[in-house]
Amino acid sequence: MAKKKTTSRTSARKKTAPKTTTQQAKPQSDDQDAGSFDIDSAADALAAAREELRKAEARYHQLRERASEKVEEIRETTVGEMVDGALEVVRKYPGQSLLAAFACGFMFDRWLRRK
C-alpha cells in the first residue's frame, strides 16, 4: 500500500529559517552604545569602498593605456602588413582557416538571401 503524505502547518513553519534582525547582530554591552557600533561599521565599509575604488581606477588607467597603445599600433599598420599577417595565420592553421572561410561564406550567403 502507498503511504499517505501528511503535512501540517507546524511542520511547514519549522522548515522556514528564523528571521534575523540587525538588532541581534549588535553587541549588547553597557560601555558601547548602538550608535557607535553603526558608525564604526559604516566607517570600515567606507574605507573598504575607497580602497576598492582606488584599485578599480588603477586598473582602468592600465587598461586605457594598453588600449590606446593597441589603437596606435593598428593605425600604424598598413593593409599590406594585415594581409601578410592573415596569410601567416592561414599557413600556420590551414584547416581552421578553411573552416572559418566556409562559415563566413555561409553566413554572408544567408545575409544576402534575406535582402
N, C-alpha and C. Protein backbone atom coordinates (compact mmCIF):
# COMPACT_ATOMS: atom_id res chain seq x y z
N MET A 1 0.82 -1.17 0.00
CA MET A 1 0.00 0.00 0.00
C MET A 1 0.87 1.25 0.00
N ALA A 2 0.39 2.27 -0.65
CA ALA A 2 1.13 3.52 -0.70
C ALA A 2 0.88 4.31 0.58
N LYS A 3 1.94 4.91 1.09
CA LYS A 3 1.80 5.73 2.29
C LYS A 3 1.22 7.08 1.92
N LYS A 4 0.37 7.55 2.77
CA LYS A 4 -0.25 8.84 2.53
C LYS A 4 0.62 9.91 3.18
N LYS A 5 0.97 10.94 2.41
CA LYS A 5 1.82 12.00 2.92
C LYS A 5 0.96 13.04 3.61
N THR A 6 1.30 13.30 4.84
CA THR A 6 0.55 14.29 5.58
C THR A 6 1.45 15.48 5.88
N THR A 7 0.87 16.64 5.75
CA THR A 7 1.61 17.84 6.11
C THR A 7 0.75 18.65 7.06
N SER A 8 1.40 19.25 7.97
CA SER A 8 0.67 20.10 8.91
C SER A 8 1.29 21.49 8.88
N ARG A 9 0.59 22.40 9.45
CA ARG A 9 1.09 23.78 9.46
C ARG A 9 2.33 23.91 10.33
N THR A 10 2.43 23.13 11.36
CA THR A 10 3.59 23.23 12.24
C THR A 10 4.85 22.73 11.54
N SER A 11 4.74 21.69 10.74
CA SER A 11 5.92 21.20 10.05
C SER A 11 6.36 22.18 8.97
N ALA A 12 5.41 22.88 8.34
CA ALA A 12 5.76 23.88 7.34
C ALA A 12 6.46 25.06 7.98
N ARG A 13 6.07 25.42 9.19
CA ARG A 13 6.71 26.54 9.89
C ARG A 13 8.13 26.19 10.31
N LYS A 14 8.36 24.95 10.64
CA LYS A 14 9.68 24.54 11.08
C LYS A 14 10.70 24.59 9.96
N LYS A 15 10.25 24.45 8.73
CA LYS A 15 11.16 24.43 7.59
C LYS A 15 11.71 25.81 7.26
N THR A 16 11.00 26.86 7.61
CA THR A 16 11.47 28.20 7.28
C THR A 16 12.54 28.62 8.27
N ALA A 17 13.49 29.38 7.77
CA ALA A 17 14.58 29.84 8.62
C ALA A 17 14.08 30.96 9.52
N PRO A 18 14.63 31.04 10.73
CA PRO A 18 14.20 32.11 11.62
C PRO A 18 14.67 33.45 11.08
N LYS A 19 13.84 34.47 11.30
CA LYS A 19 14.19 35.79 10.83
C LYS A 19 15.23 36.41 11.75
N THR A 20 16.22 37.05 11.13
CA THR A 20 17.23 37.73 11.93
C THR A 20 17.05 39.22 11.73
N THR A 21 17.29 39.96 12.76
CA THR A 21 17.19 41.41 12.67
C THR A 21 18.56 41.99 12.92
N THR A 22 18.71 43.24 12.57
CA THR A 22 20.00 43.89 12.77
C THR A 22 20.27 44.09 14.25
N GLN A 23 19.23 44.10 15.06
CA GLN A 23 19.44 44.28 16.49
C GLN A 23 20.12 43.06 17.09
N GLN A 24 19.91 41.89 16.52
CA GLN A 24 20.56 40.70 17.03
C GLN A 24 22.05 40.72 16.76
N ALA A 25 22.49 41.37 15.69
CA ALA A 25 23.90 41.40 15.33
C ALA A 25 24.67 42.42 16.16
N LYS A 26 23.98 43.37 16.79
CA LYS A 26 24.65 44.42 17.56
C LYS A 26 25.06 43.88 18.92
N PRO A 27 26.22 44.32 19.42
CA PRO A 27 26.62 43.89 20.76
C PRO A 27 25.74 44.57 21.81
N GLN A 28 25.49 43.88 22.88
CA GLN A 28 24.61 44.38 23.93
C GLN A 28 25.42 44.71 25.19
N SER A 29 26.51 45.45 25.04
CA SER A 29 27.31 45.80 26.20
C SER A 29 26.93 47.19 26.69
N ASP A 30 27.22 47.47 27.97
CA ASP A 30 26.87 48.76 28.57
C ASP A 30 27.81 49.87 28.13
N ASP A 31 29.10 49.54 27.90
CA ASP A 31 30.08 50.57 27.57
C ASP A 31 30.06 50.97 26.11
N GLN A 32 29.35 50.28 25.28
CA GLN A 32 29.29 50.62 23.85
C GLN A 32 27.83 50.73 23.45
N ASP A 33 27.42 51.91 22.98
CA ASP A 33 26.03 52.04 22.57
C ASP A 33 25.87 51.65 21.11
N ALA A 34 24.64 51.49 20.66
CA ALA A 34 24.35 51.02 19.31
C ALA A 34 24.78 52.03 18.26
N GLY A 35 24.72 53.31 18.55
CA GLY A 35 25.10 54.35 17.59
C GLY A 35 26.56 54.28 17.21
N SER A 36 27.45 54.06 18.14
CA SER A 36 28.88 54.00 17.82
C SER A 36 29.21 52.74 17.04
N PHE A 37 28.47 51.67 17.29
CA PHE A 37 28.69 50.44 16.52
C PHE A 37 28.36 50.67 15.05
N ASP A 38 27.25 51.36 14.78
CA ASP A 38 26.85 51.65 13.42
C ASP A 38 27.85 52.57 12.73
N ILE A 39 28.36 53.57 13.43
CA ILE A 39 29.33 54.49 12.86
C ILE A 39 30.64 53.79 12.55
N ASP A 40 31.09 52.94 13.44
CA ASP A 40 32.33 52.20 13.20
C ASP A 40 32.21 51.28 12.00
N SER A 41 31.10 50.56 11.91
CA SER A 41 30.93 49.65 10.78
C SER A 41 30.77 50.42 9.47
N ALA A 42 30.12 51.57 9.52
CA ALA A 42 29.98 52.40 8.32
C ALA A 42 31.33 52.95 7.90
N ALA A 43 32.14 53.36 8.85
CA ALA A 43 33.48 53.88 8.54
C ALA A 43 34.35 52.78 7.93
N ASP A 44 34.25 51.58 8.46
CA ASP A 44 35.01 50.46 7.89
C ASP A 44 34.55 50.15 6.47
N ALA A 45 33.25 50.18 6.26
CA ALA A 45 32.72 49.92 4.92
C ALA A 45 33.15 51.00 3.95
N LEU A 46 33.16 52.25 4.41
CA LEU A 46 33.59 53.36 3.56
C LEU A 46 35.06 53.24 3.21
N ALA A 47 35.89 52.86 4.16
CA ALA A 47 37.32 52.69 3.90
C ALA A 47 37.54 51.56 2.90
N ALA A 48 36.80 50.48 3.05
CA ALA A 48 36.93 49.35 2.11
C ALA A 48 36.48 49.76 0.71
N ALA A 49 35.41 50.54 0.64
CA ALA A 49 34.91 51.00 -0.66
C ALA A 49 35.92 51.94 -1.32
N ARG A 50 36.56 52.81 -0.53
CA ARG A 50 37.60 53.69 -1.08
C ARG A 50 38.75 52.89 -1.66
N GLU A 51 39.16 51.87 -0.95
CA GLU A 51 40.27 51.04 -1.42
C GLU A 51 39.90 50.31 -2.71
N GLU A 52 38.69 49.78 -2.78
CA GLU A 52 38.24 49.12 -3.99
C GLU A 52 38.16 50.10 -5.16
N LEU A 53 37.71 51.32 -4.89
CA LEU A 53 37.64 52.34 -5.93
C LEU A 53 39.04 52.70 -6.42
N ARG A 54 39.99 52.81 -5.51
CA ARG A 54 41.37 53.11 -5.89
C ARG A 54 41.93 52.01 -6.78
N LYS A 55 41.66 50.75 -6.42
CA LYS A 55 42.12 49.63 -7.24
C LYS A 55 41.47 49.63 -8.61
N ALA A 56 40.17 49.92 -8.65
CA ALA A 56 39.45 49.95 -9.92
C ALA A 56 39.96 51.08 -10.82
N GLU A 57 40.26 52.23 -10.22
CA GLU A 57 40.81 53.34 -11.01
C GLU A 57 42.17 52.99 -11.58
N ALA A 58 43.01 52.35 -10.78
CA ALA A 58 44.33 51.95 -11.27
C ALA A 58 44.20 50.95 -12.41
N ARG A 59 43.29 50.00 -12.28
CA ARG A 59 43.06 49.01 -13.33
C ARG A 59 42.52 49.67 -14.60
N TYR A 60 41.60 50.63 -14.42
CA TYR A 60 41.04 51.35 -15.55
C TYR A 60 42.13 52.09 -16.31
N HIS A 61 43.00 52.80 -15.60
CA HIS A 61 44.06 53.54 -16.26
C HIS A 61 45.03 52.61 -16.98
N GLN A 62 45.29 51.46 -16.38
CA GLN A 62 46.18 50.47 -17.00
C GLN A 62 45.56 49.96 -18.30
N LEU A 63 44.28 49.60 -18.25
CA LEU A 63 43.60 49.10 -19.45
C LEU A 63 43.45 50.18 -20.52
N ARG A 64 43.20 51.40 -20.09
CA ARG A 64 43.08 52.51 -21.03
C ARG A 64 44.40 52.75 -21.75
N GLU A 65 45.50 52.70 -21.02
CA GLU A 65 46.82 52.89 -21.63
C GLU A 65 47.12 51.77 -22.63
N ARG A 66 46.82 50.54 -22.24
CA ARG A 66 47.06 49.41 -23.13
C ARG A 66 46.20 49.51 -24.39
N ALA A 67 44.94 49.92 -24.23
CA ALA A 67 44.05 50.06 -25.39
C ALA A 67 44.53 51.17 -26.32
N SER A 68 44.98 52.27 -25.75
CA SER A 68 45.46 53.36 -26.61
C SER A 68 46.72 52.95 -27.36
N GLU A 69 47.57 52.13 -26.73
CA GLU A 69 48.76 51.61 -27.42
C GLU A 69 48.35 50.71 -28.59
N LYS A 70 47.36 49.86 -28.36
CA LYS A 70 46.89 48.96 -29.43
C LYS A 70 46.25 49.74 -30.57
N VAL A 71 45.47 50.77 -30.24
CA VAL A 71 44.85 51.58 -31.29
C VAL A 71 45.92 52.26 -32.12
N GLU A 72 46.93 52.79 -31.46
CA GLU A 72 48.02 53.44 -32.19
C GLU A 72 48.77 52.43 -33.06
N GLU A 73 48.96 51.24 -32.53
CA GLU A 73 49.63 50.17 -33.30
C GLU A 73 48.81 49.81 -34.54
N ILE A 74 47.50 49.73 -34.39
CA ILE A 74 46.63 49.39 -35.53
C ILE A 74 46.64 50.52 -36.55
N ARG A 75 46.64 51.76 -36.09
CA ARG A 75 46.67 52.90 -37.01
C ARG A 75 47.96 52.92 -37.84
N GLU A 76 49.04 52.49 -37.23
CA GLU A 76 50.32 52.49 -37.93
C GLU A 76 50.48 51.30 -38.87
N THR A 77 49.64 50.28 -38.70
CA THR A 77 49.72 49.09 -39.52
C THR A 77 49.12 49.36 -40.90
N THR A 78 49.83 48.95 -41.93
CA THR A 78 49.32 49.13 -43.29
C THR A 78 48.48 47.92 -43.69
N VAL A 79 47.74 48.08 -44.77
CA VAL A 79 46.90 46.99 -45.27
C VAL A 79 47.78 45.80 -45.68
N GLY A 80 48.91 46.07 -46.27
CA GLY A 80 49.83 45.00 -46.68
C GLY A 80 50.31 44.18 -45.50
N GLU A 81 50.60 44.85 -44.38
CA GLU A 81 51.02 44.13 -43.18
C GLU A 81 49.89 43.26 -42.64
N MET A 82 48.65 43.77 -42.73
CA MET A 82 47.50 42.98 -42.27
C MET A 82 47.31 41.75 -43.15
N VAL A 83 47.46 41.91 -44.45
CA VAL A 83 47.33 40.77 -45.36
C VAL A 83 48.42 39.75 -45.09
N ASP A 84 49.65 40.23 -44.89
CA ASP A 84 50.75 39.32 -44.57
C ASP A 84 50.47 38.56 -43.27
N GLY A 85 49.93 39.24 -42.29
CA GLY A 85 49.58 38.58 -41.02
C GLY A 85 48.51 37.52 -41.22
N ALA A 86 47.51 37.85 -42.05
CA ALA A 86 46.44 36.88 -42.30
C ALA A 86 46.99 35.66 -43.04
N LEU A 87 47.86 35.89 -44.01
CA LEU A 87 48.46 34.76 -44.74
C LEU A 87 49.32 33.90 -43.82
N GLU A 88 49.97 34.52 -42.90
CA GLU A 88 50.79 33.78 -41.94
C GLU A 88 49.91 32.86 -41.08
N VAL A 89 48.76 33.37 -40.67
CA VAL A 89 47.84 32.56 -39.87
C VAL A 89 47.29 31.41 -40.71
N VAL A 90 46.97 31.67 -41.97
CA VAL A 90 46.44 30.62 -42.86
C VAL A 90 47.48 29.53 -43.06
N ARG A 91 48.73 29.92 -43.22
CA ARG A 91 49.79 28.91 -43.39
C ARG A 91 49.99 28.09 -42.12
N LYS A 92 49.83 28.74 -40.98
CA LYS A 92 50.05 28.04 -39.71
C LYS A 92 48.87 27.12 -39.37
N TYR A 93 47.65 27.55 -39.69
CA TYR A 93 46.44 26.77 -39.37
C TYR A 93 45.57 26.63 -40.62
N PRO A 94 45.93 25.77 -41.56
CA PRO A 94 45.17 25.70 -42.82
C PRO A 94 43.76 25.13 -42.65
N GLY A 95 43.60 24.13 -41.83
CA GLY A 95 42.28 23.50 -41.65
C GLY A 95 41.29 24.45 -40.99
N GLN A 96 41.72 25.07 -39.91
CA GLN A 96 40.84 26.01 -39.21
C GLN A 96 40.52 27.21 -40.09
N SER A 97 41.48 27.64 -40.90
CA SER A 97 41.25 28.78 -41.80
C SER A 97 40.21 28.43 -42.85
N LEU A 98 40.29 27.20 -43.36
CA LEU A 98 39.32 26.77 -44.35
C LEU A 98 37.91 26.71 -43.75
N LEU A 99 37.80 26.19 -42.54
CA LEU A 99 36.50 26.13 -41.86
C LEU A 99 35.97 27.54 -41.58
N ALA A 100 36.84 28.45 -41.16
CA ALA A 100 36.42 29.82 -40.90
C ALA A 100 35.94 30.49 -42.18
N ALA A 101 36.65 30.26 -43.28
CA ALA A 101 36.26 30.85 -44.56
C ALA A 101 34.90 30.29 -45.01
N PHE A 102 34.70 29.00 -44.82
CA PHE A 102 33.42 28.38 -45.16
C PHE A 102 32.29 28.99 -44.33
N ALA A 103 32.52 29.13 -43.03
CA ALA A 103 31.49 29.68 -42.14
C ALA A 103 31.18 31.12 -42.52
N CYS A 104 32.19 31.91 -42.81
CA CYS A 104 31.95 33.30 -43.22
C CYS A 104 31.17 33.36 -44.53
N GLY A 105 31.53 32.52 -45.49
CA GLY A 105 30.81 32.48 -46.75
C GLY A 105 29.37 32.07 -46.57
N PHE A 106 29.13 31.09 -45.72
CA PHE A 106 27.78 30.62 -45.46
C PHE A 106 26.93 31.73 -44.84
N MET A 107 27.48 32.42 -43.84
CA MET A 107 26.75 33.50 -43.18
C MET A 107 26.51 34.67 -44.15
N PHE A 108 27.48 34.98 -44.99
CA PHE A 108 27.33 36.06 -45.96
C PHE A 108 26.23 35.71 -46.96
N ASP A 109 26.19 34.45 -47.40
CA ASP A 109 25.16 33.99 -48.31
C ASP A 109 23.78 34.11 -47.70
N ARG A 110 23.66 33.71 -46.43
CA ARG A 110 22.37 33.81 -45.72
C ARG A 110 21.94 35.26 -45.61
N TRP A 111 22.88 36.13 -45.33
CA TRP A 111 22.58 37.56 -45.20
C TRP A 111 22.09 38.13 -46.54
N LEU A 112 22.75 37.73 -47.63
CA LEU A 112 22.36 38.24 -48.95
C LEU A 112 20.98 37.74 -49.36
N ARG A 113 20.66 36.51 -49.03
CA ARG A 113 19.37 35.95 -49.42
C ARG A 113 18.21 36.58 -48.67
N ARG A 114 18.45 37.08 -47.49
CA ARG A 114 17.37 37.73 -46.73
C ARG A 114 17.02 39.06 -47.34
N LYS A 115 17.95 39.71 -47.95
CA LYS A 115 17.68 41.05 -48.52
C LYS A 115 17.18 40.96 -49.88
